[in-house]
Amino acid sequence: MRAVLTRVLSASVTVDNVVVGEINCPSAGGILALVGVDRDDSAAAWETMTRKIAVLRILKAEETITKITNGLRSREISVYEGRFGADMQVESVNDGPFTVIVECP
């Protein structure tokens, strides 16, 4: 089981032109969770995921982000950045569901 979490001011899911899920909290925000599950996930896995999401903290990692963006640029990949630490609103329309998680040990 894996989850990708994004702090959002608003988000929605539309199926057949009908909104089936929506977050609209411009003052407080909310969490958009993309959760990948397997039919063999145990109850313990669900409990662990729930606990991890409930206690999640967003960490500041400016130096690491800079290293990653510089590494991508060195490979001639276009990278656009916001302002680290700023109160940013990021808008996207996903084409899918298709999300890739890249993990490093």
PDB file of N, CA and C in Angstrom:
ATOM      1  N   MET A   1       0.852  -1.171   0.000  1.00  0.00           N
ATOM      2  CA  MET A   1       0.000   0.000   0.000  1.00  0.00           C
ATOM      3  C   MET A   1       0.895   1.230   0.000  1.00  0.00           C
ATOM      4  N   ARG A   2       0.524   2.210  -0.821  1.00  0.00           N
ATOM      5  CA  ARG A   2       1.244   3.472  -0.882  1.00  0.00           C
ATOM      6  C   ARG A   2       0.234   4.596  -1.001  1.00  0.00           C
ATOM      7  N   ALA A   3       0.648   5.780  -0.538  1.00  0.00           N
ATOM      8  CA  ALA A   3      -0.218   6.956  -0.666  1.00  0.00           C
ATOM      9  C   ALA A   3       0.624   8.153  -1.041  1.00  0.00           C
ATOM     10  N   VAL A   4       0.081   8.977  -1.907  1.00  0.00           N
ATOM     11  CA  VAL A   4       0.670  10.264  -2.248  1.00  0.00           C
ATOM     12  C   VAL A   4      -0.299  11.313  -1.716  1.00  0.00           C
ATOM     13  N   LEU A   5       0.199  12.207  -0.863  1.00  0.00           N
ATOM     14  CA  LEU A   5      -0.653  13.214  -0.230  1.00  0.00           C
ATOM     15  C   LEU A   5      -0.249  14.593  -0.724  1.00  0.00           C
ATOM     16  N   THR A   6      -1.243  15.425  -0.983  1.00  0.00           N
ATOM     17  CA  THR A   6      -1.011  16.792  -1.410  1.00  0.00           C
ATOM     18  C   THR A   6      -1.915  17.706  -0.606  1.00  0.00           C
ATOM     19  N   ARG A   7      -1.323  18.755  -0.041  1.00  0.00           N
ATOM     20  CA  ARG A   7      -2.137  19.751   0.664  1.00  0.00           C
ATOM     21  C   ARG A   7      -2.780  20.636  -0.401  1.00  0.00           C
ATOM     22  N   VAL A   8      -4.096  20.792  -0.349  1.00  0.00           N
ATOM     23  CA  VAL A   8      -4.826  21.538  -1.373  1.00  0.00           C
ATOM     24  C   VAL A   8      -5.802  22.519  -0.739  1.00  0.00           C
ATOM     25  N   LEU A   9      -6.128  23.558  -1.478  1.00  0.00           N
ATOM     26  CA  LEU A   9      -7.220  24.455  -1.100  1.00  0.00           C
ATOM     27  C   LEU A   9      -8.525  23.967  -1.697  1.00  0.00           C
ATOM     28  N   SER A  10      -8.402  23.340  -2.868  1.00  0.00           N
ATOM     29  CA  SER A  10      -9.573  22.740  -3.496  1.00  0.00           C
ATOM     30  C   SER A  10      -9.122  21.607  -4.404  1.00  0.00           C
ATOM     31  N   ALA A  11      -9.991  20.648  -4.571  1.00  0.00           N
ATOM     32  CA  ALA A  11      -9.751  19.516  -5.465  1.00  0.00           C
ATOM     33  C   ALA A  11     -11.092  18.858  -5.728  1.00  0.00           C
ATOM     34  N   SER A  12     -11.189  18.178  -6.844  1.00  0.00           N
ATOM     35  CA  SER A  12     -12.417  17.436  -7.115  1.00  0.00           C
ATOM     36  C   SER A  12     -12.110  16.248  -8.004  1.00  0.00           C
ATOM     37  N   VAL A  13     -12.984  15.266  -7.937  1.00  0.00           N
ATOM     38  CA  VAL A  13     -12.915  14.093  -8.788  1.00  0.00           C
ATOM     39  C   VAL A  13     -14.219  14.024  -9.557  1.00  0.00           C
ATOM     40  N   THR A  14     -14.113  13.925 -10.873  1.00  0.00           N
ATOM     41  CA  THR A  14     -15.287  13.877 -11.740  1.00  0.00           C
ATOM     42  C   THR A  14     -15.314  12.559 -12.493  1.00  0.00           C
ATOM     43  N   VAL A  15     -16.457  11.897 -12.496  1.00  0.00           N
ATOM     44  CA  VAL A  15     -16.661  10.657 -13.240  1.00  0.00           C
ATOM     45  C   VAL A  15     -17.907  10.841 -14.088  1.00  0.00           C
ATOM     46  N   ASP A  16     -17.774  10.655 -15.391  1.00  0.00           N
ATOM     47  CA  ASP A  16     -18.894  10.815 -16.321  1.00  0.00           C
ATOM     48  C   ASP A  16     -19.579  12.166 -16.143  1.00  0.00           C
ATOM     49  N   ASN A  17     -18.771  13.214 -16.033  1.00  0.00           N
ATOM     50  CA  ASN A  17     -19.244  14.597 -15.880  1.00  0.00           C
ATOM     51  C   ASN A  17     -20.000  14.864 -14.583  1.00  0.00           C
ATOM     52  N   VAL A  18     -19.835  14.002 -13.579  1.00  0.00           N
ATOM     53  CA  VAL A  18     -20.469  14.191 -12.274  1.00  0.00           C
ATOM     54  C   VAL A  18     -19.367  14.258 -11.219  1.00  0.00           C
ATOM     55  N   VAL A  19     -19.387  15.310 -10.397  1.00  0.00           N
ATOM     56  CA  VAL A  19     -18.419  15.429  -9.320  1.00  0.00           C
ATOM     57  C   VAL A  19     -18.781  14.404  -8.243  1.00  0.00           C
ATOM     58  N   VAL A  20     -17.851  13.472  -7.982  1.00  0.00           N
ATOM     59  CA  VAL A  20     -18.116  12.414  -7.010  1.00  0.00           C
ATOM     60  C   VAL A  20     -17.350  12.623  -5.703  1.00  0.00           C
ATOM     61  N   GLY A  21     -16.428  13.559  -5.692  1.00  0.00           N
ATOM     62  CA  GLY A  21     -15.684  13.898  -4.486  1.00  0.00           C
ATOM     63  C   GLY A  21     -15.129  15.295  -4.630  1.00  0.00           C
ATOM     64  N   GLU A  22     -15.134  16.068  -3.536  1.00  0.00           N
ATOM     65  CA  GLU A  22     -14.707  17.462  -3.652  1.00  0.00           C
ATOM     66  C   GLU A  22     -14.158  17.965  -2.324  1.00  0.00           C
ATOM     67  N   ILE A  23     -13.095  18.751  -2.408  1.00  0.00           N
ATOM     68  CA  ILE A  23     -12.560  19.516  -1.279  1.00  0.00           C
ATOM     69  C   ILE A  23     -12.647  20.968  -1.693  1.00  0.00           C
ATOM     70  N   ASN A  24     -13.245  21.789  -0.862  1.00  0.00           N
ATOM     71  CA  ASN A  24     -13.327  23.218  -1.146  1.00  0.00           C
ATOM     72  C   ASN A  24     -13.177  23.960   0.179  1.00  0.00           C
ATOM     73  N   CYS A  25     -11.930  24.150   0.585  1.00  0.00           N
ATOM     74  CA  CYS A  25     -11.621  24.759   1.883  1.00  0.00           C
ATOM     75  C   CYS A  25     -10.583  25.859   1.699  1.00  0.00           C
ATOM     76  N   PRO A  26     -10.930  26.972   1.051  1.00  0.00           N
ATOM     77  CA  PRO A  26      -9.927  27.996   0.770  1.00  0.00           C
ATOM     78  C   PRO A  26      -9.296  28.604   2.014  1.00  0.00           C
ATOM     79  N   SER A  27      -9.962  28.547   3.171  1.00  0.00           N
ATOM     80  CA  SER A  27      -9.366  29.142   4.364  1.00  0.00           C
ATOM     81  C   SER A  27      -8.522  28.138   5.141  1.00  0.00           C
ATOM     82  N   ALA A  28      -8.946  26.883   5.225  1.00  0.00           N
ATOM     83  CA  ALA A  28      -8.240  25.897   6.043  1.00  0.00           C
ATOM     84  C   ALA A  28      -7.455  24.884   5.224  1.00  0.00           C
ATOM     85  N   GLY A  29      -7.867  24.638   3.991  1.00  0.00           N
ATOM     86  CA  GLY A  29      -7.201  23.639   3.164  1.00  0.00           C
ATOM     87  C   GLY A  29      -7.636  22.232   3.513  1.00  0.00           C
ATOM     88  N   GLY A  30      -7.127  21.289   2.774  1.00  0.00           N
ATOM     89  CA  GLY A  30      -7.432  19.886   2.981  1.00  0.00           C
ATOM     90  C   GLY A  30      -6.320  19.040   2.411  1.00  0.00           C
ATOM     91  N   ILE A  31      -6.461  17.737   2.496  1.00  0.00           N
ATOM     92  CA  ILE A  31      -5.462  16.808   1.980  1.00  0.00           C
ATOM     93  C   ILE A  31      -6.094  15.960   0.884  1.00  0.00           C
ATOM     94  N   LEU A  32      -5.489  15.996  -0.293  1.00  0.00           N
ATOM     95  CA  LEU A  32      -5.867  15.117  -1.399  1.00  0.00           C
ATOM     96  C   LEU A  32      -4.966  13.900  -1.296  1.00  0.00           C
ATOM     97  N   ALA A  33      -5.546  12.721  -1.159  1.00  0.00           N
ATOM     98  CA  ALA A  33      -4.780  11.481  -1.008  1.00  0.00           C
ATOM     99  C   ALA A  33      -5.020  10.583  -2.207  1.00  0.00           C
ATOM    100  N   LEU A  34      -3.956  10.187  -2.861  1.00  0.00           N
ATOM    101  CA  LEU A  34      -4.004   9.184  -3.919  1.00  0.00           C
ATOM    102  C   LEU A  34      -3.459   7.906  -3.290  1.00  0.00           C
ATOM    103  N   VAL A  35      -4.308   6.913  -3.109  1.00  0.00           N
ATOM    104  CA  VAL A  35      -3.935   5.713  -2.368  1.00  0.00           C
ATOM    105  C   VAL A  35      -3.946   4.509  -3.301  1.00  0.00           C
ATOM    106  N   GLY A  36      -2.827   3.797  -3.328  1.00  0.00           N
ATOM    107  CA  GLY A  36      -2.710   2.569  -4.096  1.00  0.00           C
ATOM    108  C   GLY A  36      -2.816   1.379  -3.160  1.00  0.00           C
ATOM    109  N   VAL A  37      -3.743   0.481  -3.431  1.00  0.00           N
ATOM    110  CA  VAL A  37      -3.980  -0.657  -2.543  1.00  0.00           C
ATOM    111  C   VAL A  37      -3.854  -1.960  -3.321  1.00  0.00           C
ATOM    112  N   ASP A  38      -3.705  -3.027  -2.562  1.00  0.00           N
ATOM    113  CA  ASP A  38      -3.619  -4.369  -3.119  1.00  0.00           C
ATOM    114  C   ASP A  38      -4.648  -5.233  -2.397  1.00  0.00           C
ATOM    115  N   ARG A  39      -5.235  -6.156  -3.092  1.00  0.00           N
ATOM    116  CA  ARG A  39      -6.263  -6.997  -2.455  1.00  0.00           C
ATOM    117  C   ARG A  39      -5.710  -7.770  -1.266  1.00  0.00           C
ATOM    118  N   ASP A  40      -4.392  -7.941  -1.195  1.00  0.00           N
ATOM    119  CA  ASP A  40      -3.781  -8.679  -0.091  1.00  0.00           C
ATOM    120  C   ASP A  40      -3.314  -7.781   1.051  1.00  0.00           C
ATOM    121  N   ASP A  41      -3.594  -6.465   1.009  1.00  0.00           N
ATOM    122  CA  ASP A  41      -3.206  -5.578   2.108  1.00  0.00           C
ATOM    123  C   ASP A  41      -3.904  -6.013   3.389  1.00  0.00           C
ATOM    124  N   SER A  42      -3.126  -6.119   4.450  1.00  0.00           N
ATOM    125  CA  SER A  42      -3.667  -6.588   5.728  1.00  0.00           C
ATOM    126  C   SER A  42      -4.303  -5.447   6.508  1.00  0.00           C
ATOM    127  N   ALA A  43      -5.036  -5.811   7.548  1.00  0.00           N
ATOM    128  CA  ALA A  43      -5.610  -4.804   8.446  1.00  0.00           C
ATOM    129  C   ALA A  43      -4.501  -3.988   9.093  1.00  0.00           C
ATOM    130  N   ALA A  44      -3.371  -4.632   9.383  1.00  0.00           N
ATOM    131  CA  ALA A  44      -2.241  -3.915   9.982  1.00  0.00           C
ATOM    132  C   ALA A  44      -1.706  -2.849   9.020  1.00  0.00           C
ATOM    133  N   ALA A  45      -1.690  -3.152   7.721  1.00  0.00           N
ATOM    134  CA  ALA A  45      -1.232  -2.173   6.732  1.00  0.00           C
ATOM    135  C   ALA A  45      -2.165  -0.964   6.711  1.00  0.00           C
ATOM    136  N   TRP A  46      -3.467  -1.204   6.762  1.00  0.00           N
ATOM    137  CA  TRP A  46      -4.434  -0.107   6.782  1.00  0.00           C
ATOM    138  C   TRP A  46      -4.256   0.751   8.029  1.00  0.00           C
ATOM    139  N   GLU A  47      -4.060   0.092   9.169  1.00  0.00           N
ATOM    140  CA  GLU A  47      -3.874   0.828  10.417  1.00  0.00           C
ATOM    141  C   GLU A  47      -2.595   1.657  10.386  1.00  0.00           C
ATOM    142  N   THR A  48      -1.517   1.080   9.845  1.00  0.00           N
ATOM    143  CA  THR A  48      -0.250   1.805   9.742  1.00  0.00           C
ATOM    144  C   THR A  48      -0.395   3.007   8.821  1.00  0.00           C
ATOM    145  N   MET A  49      -1.040   2.819   7.670  1.00  0.00           N
ATOM    146  CA  MET A  49      -1.224   3.929   6.730  1.00  0.00           C
ATOM    147  C   MET A  49      -2.055   5.034   7.372  1.00  0.00           C
ATOM    148  N   THR A  50      -3.111   4.669   8.060  1.00  0.00           N
ATOM    149  CA  THR A  50      -3.961   5.658   8.727  1.00  0.00           C
ATOM    150  C   THR A  50      -3.161   6.456   9.746  1.00  0.00           C
ATOM    151  N   ARG A  51      -2.341   5.765  10.545  1.00  0.00           N
ATOM    152  CA  ARG A  51      -1.519   6.437  11.562  1.00  0.00           C
ATOM    153  C   ARG A  51      -0.509   7.373  10.909  1.00  0.00           C
ATOM    154  N   LYS A  52       0.158   6.906   9.861  1.00  0.00           N
ATOM    155  CA  LYS A  52       1.167   7.734   9.189  1.00  0.00           C
ATOM    156  C   LYS A  52       0.550   9.001   8.600  1.00  0.00           C
ATOM    157  N   ILE A  53      -0.617   8.875   7.993  1.00  0.00           N
ATOM    158  CA  ILE A  53      -1.279  10.050   7.418  1.00  0.00           C
ATOM    159  C   ILE A  53      -1.701  11.012   8.521  1.00  0.00           C
ATOM    160  N   ALA A  54      -2.218  10.469   9.621  1.00  0.00           N
ATOM    161  CA  ALA A  54      -2.718  11.313  10.705  1.00  0.00           C
ATOM    162  C   ALA A  54      -1.617  12.136  11.367  1.00  0.00           C
ATOM    163  N   VAL A  55      -0.385  11.615  11.414  1.00  0.00           N
ATOM    164  CA  VAL A  55       0.693  12.321  12.121  1.00  0.00           C
ATOM    165  C   VAL A  55       1.694  12.981  11.171  1.00  0.00           C
ATOM    166  N   LEU A  56       1.402  12.989   9.891  1.00  0.00           N
ATOM    167  CA  LEU A  56       2.328  13.521   8.903  1.00  0.00           C
ATOM    168  C   LEU A  56       2.678  14.980   9.155  1.00  0.00           C
ATOM    169  N   ARG A  57       3.930  15.308   9.001  1.00  0.00           N
ATOM    170  CA  ARG A  57       4.416  16.689   9.078  1.00  0.00           C
ATOM    171  C   ARG A  57       5.132  16.991   7.764  1.00  0.00           C
ATOM    172  N   ILE A  58       4.996  18.184   7.266  1.00  0.00           N
ATOM    173  CA  ILE A  58       5.697  18.581   6.051  1.00  0.00           C
ATOM    174  C   ILE A  58       7.047  19.133   6.463  1.00  0.00           C
ATOM    175  N   LEU A  59       8.095  18.521   5.945  1.00  0.00           N
ATOM    176  CA  LEU A  59       9.448  18.890   6.318  1.00  0.00           C
ATOM    177  C   LEU A  59      10.036  19.866   5.310  1.00  0.00           C
ATOM    178  N   LYS A  60      10.878  20.755   5.782  1.00  0.00           N
ATOM    179  CA  LYS A  60      11.553  21.701   4.899  1.00  0.00           C
ATOM    180  C   LYS A  60      12.872  21.089   4.472  1.00  0.00           C
ATOM    181  N   ALA A  61      13.067  21.031   3.189  1.00  0.00           N
ATOM    182  CA  ALA A  61      14.271  20.396   2.657  1.00  0.00           C
ATOM    183  C   ALA A  61      14.794  21.187   1.471  1.00  0.00           C
ATOM    184  N   GLU A  62      15.009  22.483   1.664  1.00  0.00           N
ATOM    185  CA  GLU A  62      15.402  23.365   0.564  1.00  0.00           C
ATOM    186  C   GLU A  62      16.693  22.908  -0.105  1.00  0.00           C
ATOM    187  N   GLU A  63      17.676  22.510   0.697  1.00  0.00           N
ATOM    188  CA  GLU A  63      18.966  22.107   0.125  1.00  0.00           C
ATOM    189  C   GLU A  63      18.810  20.888  -0.778  1.00  0.00           C
ATOM    190  N   THR A  64      18.021  19.910  -0.344  1.00  0.00           N
ATOM    191  CA  THR A  64      17.794  18.706  -1.146  1.00  0.00           C
ATOM    192  C   THR A  64      17.049  19.044  -2.422  1.00  0.00           C
ATOM    193  N   ILE A  65      16.059  19.897  -2.337  1.00  0.00           N
ATOM    194  CA  ILE A  65      15.303  20.294  -3.526  1.00  0.00           C
ATOM    195  C   ILE A  65      16.217  20.975  -4.531  1.00  0.00           C
ATOM    196  N   THR A  66      17.089  21.847  -4.049  1.00  0.00           N
ATOM    197  CA  THR A  66      18.037  22.542  -4.927  1.00  0.00           C
ATOM    198  C   THR A  66      18.950  21.542  -5.624  1.00  0.00           C
ATOM    199  N   LYS A  67      19.440  20.558  -4.913  1.00  0.00           N
ATOM    200  CA  LYS A  67      20.305  19.538  -5.515  1.00  0.00           C
ATOM    201  C   LYS A  67      19.567  18.776  -6.609  1.00  0.00           C
ATOM    202  N   ILE A  68      18.319  18.430  -6.356  1.00  0.00           N
ATOM    203  CA  ILE A  68      17.537  17.687  -7.348  1.00  0.00           C
ATOM    204  C   ILE A  68      17.283  18.533  -8.587  1.00  0.00           C
ATOM    205  N   THR A  69      16.838  19.784  -8.399  1.00  0.00           N
ATOM    206  CA  THR A  69      16.554  20.628  -9.573  1.00  0.00           C
ATOM    207  C   THR A  69      17.832  20.900 -10.367  1.00  0.00           C
ATOM    208  N   ASN A  70      18.950  21.133  -9.688  1.00  0.00           N
ATOM    209  CA  ASN A  70      20.212  21.343 -10.404  1.00  0.00           C
ATOM    210  C   ASN A  70      20.641  20.093 -11.158  1.00  0.00           C
ATOM    211  N   GLY A  71      20.425  18.925 -10.558  1.00  0.00           N
ATOM    212  CA  GLY A  71      20.752  17.670 -11.226  1.00  0.00           C
ATOM    213  C   GLY A  71      19.917  17.451 -12.473  1.00  0.00           C
ATOM    214  N   LEU A  72      18.640  17.798 -12.407  1.00  0.00           N
ATOM    215  CA  LEU A  72      17.780  17.673 -13.585  1.00  0.00           C
ATOM    216  C   LEU A  72      18.201  18.649 -14.673  1.00  0.00           C
ATOM    217  N   ARG A  73      18.515  19.874 -14.281  1.00  0.00           N
ATOM    218  CA  ARG A  73      18.955  20.874 -15.263  1.00  0.00           C
ATOM    219  C   ARG A  73      20.262  20.453 -15.938  1.00  0.00           C
ATOM    220  N   SER A  74      21.151  19.807 -15.182  1.00  0.00           N
ATOM    221  CA  SER A  74      22.418  19.359 -15.766  1.00  0.00           C
ATOM    222  C   SER A  74      22.185  18.299 -16.841  1.00  0.00           C
ATOM    223  N   ARG A  75      21.013  17.685 -16.830  1.00  0.00           N
ATOM    224  CA  ARG A  75      20.643  16.703 -17.850  1.00  0.00           C
ATOM    225  C   ARG A  75      19.753  17.322 -18.923  1.00  0.00           C
ATOM    226  N   GLU A  76      19.750  18.657 -18.965  1.00  0.00           N
ATOM    227  CA  GLU A  76      19.003  19.430 -19.952  1.00  0.00           C
ATOM    228  C   GLU A  76      17.499  19.167 -19.881  1.00  0.00           C
ATOM    229  N   ILE A  77      16.988  18.987 -18.659  1.00  0.00           N
ATOM    230  CA  ILE A  77      15.552  18.829 -18.425  1.00  0.00           C
ATOM    231  C   ILE A  77      15.032  20.157 -17.894  1.00  0.00           C
ATOM    232  N   SER A  78      13.962  20.673 -18.483  1.00  0.00           N
ATOM    233  CA  SER A  78      13.383  21.939 -18.044  1.00  0.00           C
ATOM    234  C   SER A  78      12.765  21.771 -16.662  1.00  0.00           C
ATOM    235  N   VAL A  79      13.106  22.671 -15.761  1.00  0.00           N
ATOM    236  CA  VAL A  79      12.580  22.640 -14.397  1.00  0.00           C
ATOM    237  C   VAL A  79      12.065  24.031 -14.069  1.00  0.00           C
ATOM    238  N   TYR A  80      10.844  24.111 -13.577  1.00  0.00           N
ATOM    239  CA  TYR A  80      10.258  25.372 -13.134  1.00  0.00           C
ATOM    240  C   TYR A  80       9.989  25.248 -11.647  1.00  0.00           C
ATOM    241  N   GLU A  81      10.270  26.289 -10.913  1.00  0.00           N
ATOM    242  CA  GLU A  81      10.135  26.243  -9.460  1.00  0.00           C
ATOM    243  C   GLU A  81       9.232  27.357  -8.965  1.00  0.00           C
ATOM    244  N   GLY A  82       8.615  27.094  -7.830  1.00  0.00           N
ATOM    245  CA  GLY A  82       7.928  28.150  -7.102  1.00  0.00           C
ATOM    246  C   GLY A  82       8.958  28.847  -6.230  1.00  0.00           C
ATOM    247  N   ARG A  83       8.530  29.369  -5.121  1.00  0.00           N
ATOM    248  CA  ARG A  83       9.450  29.969  -4.151  1.00  0.00           C
ATOM    249  C   ARG A  83       9.425  29.128  -2.896  1.00  0.00           C
ATOM    250  N   PHE A  84      10.564  28.564  -2.539  1.00  0.00           N
ATOM    251  CA  PHE A  84      10.626  27.683  -1.384  1.00  0.00           C
ATOM    252  C   PHE A  84      10.174  28.426  -0.135  1.00  0.00           C
ATOM    253  N   GLY A  85       9.276  27.809   0.623  1.00  0.00           N
ATOM    254  CA  GLY A  85       8.788  28.392   1.860  1.00  0.00           C
ATOM    255  C   GLY A  85       7.632  29.363   1.683  1.00  0.00           C
ATOM    256  N   ALA A  86       7.321  29.715   0.434  1.00  0.00           N
ATOM    257  CA  ALA A  86       6.218  30.650   0.184  1.00  0.00           C
ATOM    258  C   ALA A  86       4.880  29.929   0.319  1.00  0.00           C
ATOM    259  N   ASP A  87       3.836  30.684   0.560  1.00  0.00           N
ATOM    260  CA  ASP A  87       2.479  30.143   0.579  1.00  0.00           C
ATOM    261  C   ASP A  87       2.018  30.064  -0.871  1.00  0.00           C
ATOM    262  N   MET A  88       2.229  28.909  -1.519  1.00  0.00           N
ATOM    263  CA  MET A  88       1.955  28.756  -2.944  1.00  0.00           C
ATOM    264  C   MET A  88       0.645  28.011  -3.161  1.00  0.00           C
ATOM    265  N   GLN A  89      -0.040  28.337  -4.218  1.00  0.00           N
ATOM    266  CA  GLN A  89      -1.196  27.590  -4.674  1.00  0.00           C
ATOM    267  C   GLN A  89      -0.789  26.928  -5.992  1.00  0.00           C
ATOM    268  N   VAL A  90      -0.807  25.618  -6.024  1.00  0.00           N
ATOM    269  CA  VAL A  90      -0.404  24.863  -7.201  1.00  0.00           C
ATOM    270  C   VAL A  90      -1.655  24.252  -7.803  1.00  0.00           C
ATOM    271  N   GLU A  91      -1.896  24.524  -9.066  1.00  0.00           N
ATOM    272  CA  GLU A  91      -3.090  24.012  -9.737  1.00  0.00           C
ATOM    273  C   GLU A  91      -2.671  23.018 -10.801  1.00  0.00           C
ATOM    274  N   SER A  92      -3.347  21.888 -10.836  1.00  0.00           N
ATOM    275  CA  SER A  92      -3.077  20.909 -11.881  1.00  0.00           C
ATOM    276  C   SER A  92      -4.354  20.144 -12.188  1.00  0.00           C
ATOM    277  N   VAL A  93      -4.430  19.651 -13.407  1.00  0.00           N
ATOM    278  CA  VAL A  93      -5.513  18.768 -13.810  1.00  0.00           C
ATOM    279  C   VAL A  93      -4.846  17.471 -14.218  1.00  0.00           C
ATOM    280  N   ASN A  94      -5.074  16.415 -13.437  1.00  0.00           N
ATOM    281  CA  ASN A  94      -4.447  15.134 -13.716  1.00  0.00           C
ATOM    282  C   ASN A  94      -5.136  14.445 -14.869  1.00  0.00           C
ATOM    283  N   ASP A  95      -4.367  13.765 -15.686  1.00  0.00           N
ATOM    284  CA  ASP A  95      -4.874  12.976 -16.796  1.00  0.00           C
ATOM    285  C   ASP A  95      -4.761  11.519 -16.378  1.00  0.00           C
ATOM    286  N   GLY A  96      -5.833  10.973 -15.875  1.00  0.00           N
ATOM    287  CA  GLY A  96      -5.658   9.609 -15.421  1.00  0.00           C
ATOM    288  C   GLY A  96      -6.784   9.125 -14.572  1.00  0.00           C
ATOM    289  N   PRO A  97      -6.543   8.209 -13.746  1.00  0.00           N
ATOM    290  CA  PRO A  97      -5.533   8.226 -12.705  1.00  0.00           C
ATOM    291  C   PRO A  97      -4.205   7.636 -13.193  1.00  0.00           C
ATOM    292  N   PHE A  98      -3.180   8.426 -13.131  1.00  0.00           N
ATOM    293  CA  PHE A  98      -1.827   7.950 -13.429  1.00  0.00           C
ATOM    294  C   PHE A  98      -0.853   8.797 -12.641  1.00  0.00           C
ATOM    295  N   THR A  99      -0.265   8.207 -11.611  1.00  0.00           N
ATOM    296  CA  THR A  99       0.727   8.876 -10.783  1.00  0.00           C
ATOM    297  C   THR A  99       1.850   7.892 -10.544  1.00  0.00           C
ATOM    298  N   VAL A 100       3.078   8.371 -10.631  1.00  0.00           N
ATOM    299  CA  VAL A 100       4.236   7.529 -10.412  1.00  0.00           C
ATOM    300  C   VAL A 100       4.931   7.994  -9.149  1.00  0.00           C
ATOM    301  N   ILE A 101       5.269   7.060  -8.275  1.00  0.00           N
ATOM    302  CA  ILE A 101       6.037   7.361  -7.075  1.00  0.00           C
ATOM    303  C   ILE A 101       7.443   6.852  -7.310  1.00  0.00           C
ATOM    304  N   VAL A 102       8.433   7.716  -7.141  1.00  0.00           N
ATOM    305  CA  VAL A 102       9.822   7.340  -7.273  1.00  0.00           C
ATOM    306  C   VAL A 102      10.437   7.349  -5.887  1.00  0.00           C
ATOM    307  N   GLU A 103      10.934   6.206  -5.424  1.00  0.00           N
ATOM    308  CA  GLU A 103      11.501   6.109  -4.090  1.00  0.00           C
ATOM    309  C   GLU A 103      12.995   5.824  -4.171  1.00  0.00           C
ATOM    310  N   CYS A 104      13.711   6.300  -3.192  1.00  0.00           N
ATOM    311  CA  CYS A 104      15.137   6.014  -3.055  1.00  0.00           C
ATOM    312  C   CYS A 104      15.370   5.463  -1.664  1.00  0.00           C
ATOM    313  N   PRO A 105      16.301   4.523  -1.524  1.00  0.00           N
ATOM    314  CA  PRO A 105      16.548   3.965  -0.188  1.00  0.00           C
ATOM    315  C   PRO A 105      17.163   4.982   0.751  1.00  0.00           C
TER     316      PRO A 105
END
